[in-house]
Amino acid sequence: MRIHFTSVDLGRIRLAAEPDILWETLLAAHMVQTGQAPLIFSEWRNRVRPRLTPPMRRLLTLAPPRGYSPDFLTPPEGAAGLTEGLDAMLSLPRQQLLRDLELLAPERREGRFVRALADGEAPALHALGDGITAFHDAAVAPYLEKIREHIAADRASRSQAILAHGGEHVLNTLHPAIRWDPPVLEVAVPGTTEDVHLEGRGLRLVPSFFCWRAPTILRDPELPPVVVYPIVHDPAWLLDVHAPGGTRQEPPLAALLGRTRAEVLEATARGCTTSELARRVRIAIATASHHATVLRDAGLITTHRTGGRAYHTLSVLGRDLLNGRRPMIIRSGDG
């Protein structure tokens, strides 16, 4: 998808301050079904899958792990919370529901429940709302504190970058699948080739905990424009900080980088100043500064200086190394 900016739109880039609950719920529904989930979500899936109920599977029917999920599952009102988002979804006209459902894969449209939604039957729509709520309560709500912590770190990092380099720098560093070629933002989403002209509407950027591998967007170019992008994860997000008996767990990258430097890299995933880094890893500030310099020279972290303070965040390479995946390369000739 190619998103065309005007000079006005560059001043109307908005970075979400809180998790968008309906987006997180939808993307968690994708994650719980996929057979190729990353390692850092394995334990989460092991906890959630046994708790799935028939009402929750109504959402899963509409949210395949690959391919299209209806835009109406993530209305813009969801930015205000689950209740507001569901109220907006329940109020949608039948024509919009039908239009979105027709884009589902054929095998997903054949069930009685989906046909009832397409017919605009109120009981089916309310049953979907109940299923979304149940899935949210099982898969998202118990982990919301960690989700908020990660998204706050991403926002802090990008806010620092905006102050230091401006909004265009942020557009160009969101994700390897997103390329800023002024005045067009190219988002590599499989199966999507539309051109979206913002025309003063601006763009909402939504950091997402359960978004994985690639950013996602709404299919309908007439809806309020949004780009949902993956954030960096602390690999131990679901584990206690201390192992039983008070011993610290060995970081996954310790054999490659050394224990302390691996801990420094993991701590940087949430964004921090040098003093915060030293406190998280429990080392001296001078030692934290030294390790940060080595990691920065290796291209694994970046450092922005604002108001006399150094703020460290992961680079794209550091994020890919920490998340255990191969970097995605986008060449200038790719469409």
Protein backbone atom coordinates (compact mmCIF):
# COMPACT_ATOMS: atom_id res chain seq x y z
CA MET A 1 0.00 0.00 0.00
CA ARG A 2 1.21 3.49 -0.87
CA ILE A 3 0.11 6.24 1.51
CA HIS A 4 0.40 9.72 -0.03
CA PHE A 5 1.13 12.62 2.31
CA THR A 6 0.63 16.33 1.91
CA SER A 7 2.66 18.87 3.89
CA VAL A 8 -0.35 19.17 6.21
CA ASP A 9 -0.38 15.42 6.86
CA LEU A 10 3.24 15.44 8.03
CA GLY A 11 2.13 17.67 10.89
CA ARG A 12 -0.76 15.34 11.69
CA ILE A 13 1.15 12.16 12.43
CA ARG A 14 -0.20 10.79 15.71
CA LEU A 15 1.53 8.14 17.80
CA ALA A 16 -0.82 6.11 20.00
CA ALA A 17 -0.07 6.53 23.69
CA GLU A 18 -1.94 3.43 24.87
CA PRO A 19 -2.55 -0.05 23.47
CA ASP A 20 -5.42 -0.18 21.01
CA ILE A 21 -7.33 -2.99 22.71
CA LEU A 22 -9.30 -4.19 19.70
CA TRP A 23 -6.18 -4.29 17.53
CA GLU A 24 -4.33 -6.22 20.24
CA THR A 25 -7.26 -8.61 20.58
CA LEU A 26 -7.45 -9.21 16.82
CA LEU A 27 -3.69 -9.74 16.48
CA ALA A 28 -3.66 -12.03 19.52
CA ALA A 29 -6.37 -14.06 17.75
CA HIS A 30 -4.04 -14.37 14.76
CA MET A 31 -1.14 -15.36 17.02
CA VAL A 32 -2.99 -18.05 18.94
CA GLN A 33 -3.89 -19.84 15.70
CA THR A 34 -0.64 -19.69 13.77
CA GLY A 35 1.66 -22.68 13.60
CA GLN A 36 4.69 -20.43 13.16
CA ALA A 37 4.50 -18.28 16.27
CA PRO A 38 7.83 -16.91 17.52
CA LEU A 39 9.42 -18.49 20.55
CA ILE A 40 8.69 -15.57 22.84
CA PHE A 41 4.93 -16.23 22.46
CA SER A 42 5.09 -20.01 22.90
CA GLU A 43 4.32 -20.03 26.61
CA TRP A 44 1.57 -17.45 26.15
CA ARG A 45 -0.09 -19.69 23.53
CA ASN A 46 0.28 -22.70 25.82
CA ARG A 47 -1.65 -20.79 28.46
CA VAL A 48 -4.35 -19.38 26.18
CA ARG A 49 -5.19 -22.27 23.86
CA PRO A 50 -6.66 -24.57 26.55
CA ARG A 51 -8.93 -21.72 27.63
CA LEU A 52 -10.55 -21.17 24.23
CA THR A 53 -14.33 -21.55 24.31
CA PRO A 54 -16.98 -21.73 21.55
CA PRO A 55 -17.86 -18.01 21.96
CA MET A 56 -14.18 -17.10 21.50
CA ARG A 57 -14.01 -19.16 18.33
CA ARG A 58 -16.52 -16.82 16.72
CA LEU A 59 -13.72 -14.26 16.62
CA LEU A 60 -11.20 -16.84 15.39
CA THR A 61 -13.53 -17.69 12.50
CA LEU A 62 -13.28 -14.09 11.29
CA ALA A 63 -9.57 -13.73 12.07
CA PRO A 64 -7.50 -16.27 10.12
CA PRO A 65 -3.79 -16.31 10.99
CA ARG A 66 -3.03 -15.33 7.39
CA GLY A 67 -5.07 -13.29 4.98
CA TYR A 68 -7.84 -10.77 5.43
CA SER A 69 -9.69 -10.03 8.67
CA PRO A 70 -12.71 -7.70 8.46
CA ASP A 71 -11.96 -4.03 9.01
CA PHE A 72 -15.05 -3.72 11.22
CA LEU A 73 -13.25 -5.71 13.95
CA THR A 74 -10.98 -2.70 14.64
CA PRO A 75 -13.07 0.49 14.43
CA PRO A 76 -11.21 3.74 15.25
CA GLU A 77 -13.29 4.11 18.42
CA GLY A 78 -11.33 1.14 19.80
CA ALA A 79 -8.51 3.57 20.59
CA ALA A 80 -10.63 4.71 23.54
CA GLY A 81 -11.08 1.20 24.95
CA LEU A 82 -12.81 -2.15 24.51
CA THR A 83 -16.30 -0.94 25.44
CA GLU A 84 -16.18 2.06 23.10
CA GLY A 85 -14.85 -0.05 20.25
CA LEU A 86 -17.48 -2.76 20.66
CA ASP A 87 -20.26 -0.17 20.88
CA ALA A 88 -19.09 1.28 17.56
CA MET A 89 -18.88 -2.17 15.97
CA LEU A 90 -22.38 -3.09 17.13
CA SER A 91 -23.73 0.11 15.58
CA LEU A 92 -22.30 -0.46 12.10
CA PRO A 93 -24.77 -0.62 9.18
CA ARG A 94 -25.36 -3.99 7.60
CA GLN A 95 -23.91 -2.77 4.28
CA GLN A 96 -20.48 -2.27 5.86
CA LEU A 97 -20.57 -5.66 7.59
CA LEU A 98 -21.53 -7.36 4.35
CA ARG A 99 -18.86 -5.55 2.33
CA ASP A 100 -16.12 -6.63 4.75
CA LEU A 101 -17.39 -10.21 5.09
CA GLU A 102 -17.40 -10.65 1.32
CA LEU A 103 -13.61 -10.18 1.39
CA LEU A 104 -13.12 -13.16 3.70
CA ALA A 105 -11.72 -16.37 2.24
CA PRO A 106 -14.62 -18.45 0.81
CA GLU A 107 -14.24 -21.26 3.35
CA ARG A 108 -14.62 -18.70 6.15
CA ARG A 109 -17.90 -17.35 4.74
CA GLU A 110 -19.72 -20.66 4.64
CA GLY A 111 -20.53 -21.09 8.32
CA ARG A 112 -23.99 -20.35 9.70
CA PHE A 113 -22.63 -17.75 12.12
CA VAL A 114 -20.91 -15.73 9.37
CA ARG A 115 -24.00 -15.92 7.17
CA ALA A 116 -26.08 -14.59 10.06
CA LEU A 117 -23.65 -11.67 10.44
CA ALA A 118 -23.87 -10.95 6.72
CA ASP A 119 -27.67 -10.92 7.01
CA GLY A 120 -27.37 -8.27 9.71
CA GLU A 121 -28.95 -10.43 12.42
CA ALA A 122 -28.60 -8.56 15.71
CA PRO A 123 -28.21 -11.72 17.87
CA ALA A 124 -25.23 -12.81 15.75
CA LEU A 125 -23.57 -9.41 16.05
CA HIS A 126 -24.05 -9.36 19.82
CA ALA A 127 -22.72 -12.92 20.02
CA LEU A 128 -19.60 -11.74 18.19
CA GLY A 129 -19.20 -8.93 20.73
CA ASP A 130 -19.48 -11.46 23.55
CA GLY A 131 -16.86 -13.67 21.87
CA ILE A 132 -14.45 -10.78 21.41
CA THR A 133 -14.88 -9.80 25.05
CA ALA A 134 -14.30 -13.37 26.23
CA PHE A 135 -11.18 -13.75 24.11
CA HIS A 136 -9.85 -10.39 25.28
CA ASP A 137 -10.40 -11.37 28.91
CA ALA A 138 -8.49 -14.64 28.44
CA ALA A 139 -5.71 -13.65 26.05
CA VAL A 140 -5.05 -9.93 26.47
CA ALA A 141 -6.33 -8.56 29.78
CA PRO A 142 -4.10 -10.73 32.04
CA TYR A 143 -1.01 -9.38 30.25
CA LEU A 144 -2.11 -5.78 29.83
CA GLU A 145 0.44 -4.38 32.29
CA LYS A 146 3.31 -5.90 30.27
CA ILE A 147 1.72 -4.77 27.01
CA ARG A 148 1.46 -1.20 28.29
CA GLU A 149 5.05 -1.28 29.53
CA HIS A 150 6.36 -2.34 26.11
CA ILE A 151 4.26 0.17 24.19
CA ALA A 152 5.25 2.99 26.55
CA ALA A 153 8.91 2.14 25.87
CA ASP A 154 8.35 2.23 22.11
CA ARG A 155 6.51 5.54 22.35
CA ALA A 156 9.25 7.05 24.51
CA SER A 157 11.90 5.97 22.03
CA ARG A 158 10.05 7.36 19.04
CA SER A 159 9.15 10.57 20.83
CA GLN A 160 12.85 11.13 21.48
CA ALA A 161 13.53 10.46 17.80
CA ILE A 162 10.87 12.96 16.74
CA LEU A 163 12.45 15.64 18.94
CA ALA A 164 15.91 14.89 17.59
CA HIS A 165 15.19 14.20 13.91
CA GLY A 166 11.58 15.06 13.10
CA GLY A 167 8.53 13.06 12.03
CA GLU A 168 9.95 11.93 8.69
CA HIS A 169 12.77 10.09 10.47
CA VAL A 170 10.20 8.14 12.48
CA LEU A 171 8.31 7.17 9.32
CA ASN A 172 11.53 5.84 7.84
CA THR A 173 12.47 3.77 10.88
CA LEU A 174 9.17 2.17 11.89
CA HIS A 175 9.91 -1.24 10.39
CA PRO A 176 11.94 -2.79 7.54
CA ALA A 177 8.69 -3.36 5.62
CA ILE A 178 7.88 0.37 5.75
CA ARG A 179 9.75 2.77 3.49
CA TRP A 180 9.45 6.55 3.41
CA ASP A 181 10.00 7.95 -0.08
CA PRO A 182 8.70 11.52 0.22
CA PRO A 183 5.85 12.21 -0.05
CA VAL A 184 4.81 8.53 -0.08
CA LEU A 185 4.93 5.97 2.72
CA GLU A 186 5.16 2.47 1.24
CA VAL A 187 3.89 -0.33 3.47
CA ALA A 188 4.68 -3.83 2.21
CA VAL A 189 1.52 -5.79 3.01
CA PRO A 190 0.96 -8.98 0.95
CA GLY A 191 -2.01 -8.80 -1.39
CA THR A 192 -2.49 -5.04 -1.01
CA THR A 193 -1.57 -2.57 -3.77
CA GLU A 194 -3.94 0.34 -3.11
CA ASP A 195 -3.00 4.00 -3.09
CA VAL A 196 -4.32 5.96 -0.11
CA HIS A 197 -4.34 9.76 -0.31
CA LEU A 198 -4.45 11.27 3.17
CA GLU A 199 -5.55 14.72 1.97
CA GLY A 200 -5.18 16.31 5.38
CA ARG A 201 -6.55 13.42 7.44
CA GLY A 202 -3.14 12.65 8.94
CA LEU A 203 -1.98 9.18 9.97
CA ARG A 204 -2.28 7.31 13.27
CA LEU A 205 0.67 5.08 14.13
CA VAL A 206 -0.22 2.25 16.49
CA PRO A 207 2.57 0.27 18.18
CA SER A 208 1.33 -3.25 18.83
CA PHE A 209 2.48 -5.99 21.19
CA PHE A 210 0.87 -8.90 19.29
CA CYS A 211 1.68 -7.63 15.81
CA TRP A 212 4.47 -9.80 14.45
CA ARG A 213 6.87 -9.91 11.49
CA ALA A 214 5.14 -7.23 9.42
CA PRO A 215 2.93 -4.16 9.88
CA THR A 216 -0.78 -4.25 9.19
CA ILE A 217 -3.31 -1.76 7.88
CA LEU A 218 -7.01 -1.38 7.18
CA ARG A 219 -8.10 -2.59 3.76
CA ASP A 220 -10.66 0.16 3.15
CA PRO A 221 -8.85 3.38 2.08
CA GLU A 222 -11.87 5.45 3.10
CA LEU A 223 -11.53 4.56 6.79
CA PRO A 224 -9.39 6.73 9.10
CA PRO A 225 -5.81 5.89 8.07
CA VAL A 226 -3.80 3.77 10.49
CA VAL A 227 -0.56 1.78 10.39
CA VAL A 228 -0.13 -0.86 13.09
CA TYR A 229 3.49 -1.91 13.50
CA PRO A 230 5.41 -4.49 15.59
CA ILE A 231 7.40 -3.37 18.61
CA VAL A 232 10.49 -4.84 20.24
CA HIS A 233 9.79 -7.45 22.92
CA ASP A 234 11.67 -8.31 26.05
CA PRO A 235 12.27 -12.05 25.43
CA ALA A 236 11.54 -12.79 29.08
CA TRP A 237 8.30 -10.81 29.20
CA LEU A 238 6.30 -13.76 30.52
CA LEU A 239 8.89 -14.89 33.03
CA ASP A 240 9.75 -13.67 36.50
CA VAL A 241 12.81 -11.45 36.70
CA HIS A 242 14.43 -13.90 39.11
CA ALA A 243 14.57 -17.65 38.79
CA PRO A 244 13.64 -19.84 41.80
CA GLY A 245 16.13 -19.47 44.60
CA GLY A 246 17.03 -15.92 43.65
CA THR A 247 19.43 -16.82 40.83
CA ARG A 248 19.24 -14.70 37.72
CA GLN A 249 18.33 -16.43 34.49
CA GLU A 250 20.91 -16.60 31.75
CA PRO A 251 19.98 -14.28 28.85
CA PRO A 252 19.42 -16.16 25.57
CA LEU A 253 22.26 -14.25 23.85
CA ALA A 254 24.78 -14.69 26.67
CA ALA A 255 26.85 -17.26 24.79
CA LEU A 256 27.25 -14.85 21.88
CA LEU A 257 27.69 -11.49 23.58
CA GLY A 258 28.62 -12.36 27.14
CA ARG A 259 26.17 -12.31 30.02
CA THR A 260 26.34 -8.64 31.00
CA ARG A 261 26.32 -7.30 27.46
CA ALA A 262 23.38 -9.55 26.58
CA GLU A 263 21.50 -8.19 29.60
CA VAL A 264 22.30 -4.65 28.47
CA LEU A 265 20.92 -5.38 24.99
CA GLU A 266 17.73 -6.90 26.44
CA ALA A 267 17.27 -3.98 28.85
CA THR A 268 17.58 -1.55 25.95
CA ALA A 269 14.57 -3.18 24.27
CA ARG A 270 12.32 -1.01 26.43
CA GLY A 271 14.29 2.19 25.78
CA CYS A 272 16.24 3.87 28.56
CA THR A 273 18.83 6.43 29.57
CA THR A 274 22.29 5.31 30.65
CA SER A 275 21.40 5.63 34.34
CA GLU A 276 18.19 3.65 33.83
CA LEU A 277 20.18 1.03 31.95
CA ALA A 278 22.65 0.73 34.82
CA ARG A 279 19.80 0.35 37.31
CA ARG A 280 18.02 -2.33 35.29
CA VAL A 281 21.12 -4.46 34.84
CA ARG A 282 22.53 -3.56 38.30
CA ILE A 283 25.90 -2.35 37.08
CA ALA A 284 27.82 0.92 37.44
CA ILE A 285 26.85 3.81 35.15
CA ALA A 286 30.35 3.85 33.63
CA THR A 287 30.05 0.13 32.87
CA ALA A 288 26.60 0.61 31.33
CA SER A 289 27.97 3.42 29.17
CA HIS A 290 30.85 1.23 27.99
CA HIS A 291 28.59 -1.67 26.99
CA ALA A 292 26.18 0.71 25.27
CA THR A 293 29.07 2.13 23.25
CA VAL A 294 30.19 -1.34 22.14
CA LEU A 295 26.64 -2.30 21.13
CA ARG A 296 26.16 1.00 19.32
CA ASP A 297 29.43 0.55 17.41
CA ALA A 298 28.19 -2.91 16.39
CA GLY A 299 24.98 -1.39 15.03
CA LEU A 300 22.74 -3.10 17.61
CA ILE A 301 21.50 0.02 19.42
CA THR A 302 21.10 3.69 18.64
CA THR A 303 21.62 6.62 20.98
CA HIS A 304 19.89 10.00 20.87
CA ARG A 305 21.05 12.89 23.02
CA THR A 306 18.44 15.34 24.26
CA GLY A 307 18.87 17.86 27.02
CA GLY A 308 22.26 16.47 28.05
CA ARG A 309 20.94 12.89 28.43
CA ALA A 310 21.69 9.88 26.27
CA TYR A 311 18.63 7.78 25.40
CA HIS A 312 19.30 4.26 24.07
CA THR A 313 16.99 2.17 21.88
CA LEU A 314 17.43 -0.92 19.74
CA SER A 315 18.31 -0.57 16.08
CA VAL A 316 16.50 -2.68 13.50
CA LEU A 317 19.46 -5.10 13.52
CA GLY A 318 19.41 -5.28 17.32
CA ARG A 319 15.69 -5.93 17.34
CA ASP A 320 16.02 -8.74 14.82
CA LEU A 321 18.88 -10.31 16.77
CA LEU A 322 16.99 -10.09 20.04
CA ASN A 323 13.82 -11.50 18.53
CA GLY A 324 15.73 -14.31 16.84
CA ARG A 325 14.76 -13.66 13.24
CA ARG A 326 16.51 -12.85 10.00
CA PRO A 327 16.31 -9.19 8.95
CA MET A 328 13.84 -8.33 6.18
CA ILE A 329 15.55 -6.54 3.30
CA ILE A 330 13.62 -4.20 1.05
CA ARG A 331 15.42 -3.17 -2.12
CA SER A 332 14.84 0.10 -3.86
CA GLY A 333 13.28 -1.61 -6.88
CA ASP A 334 10.73 -3.63 -4.90
CA GLY A 335 7.09 -2.72 -5.45
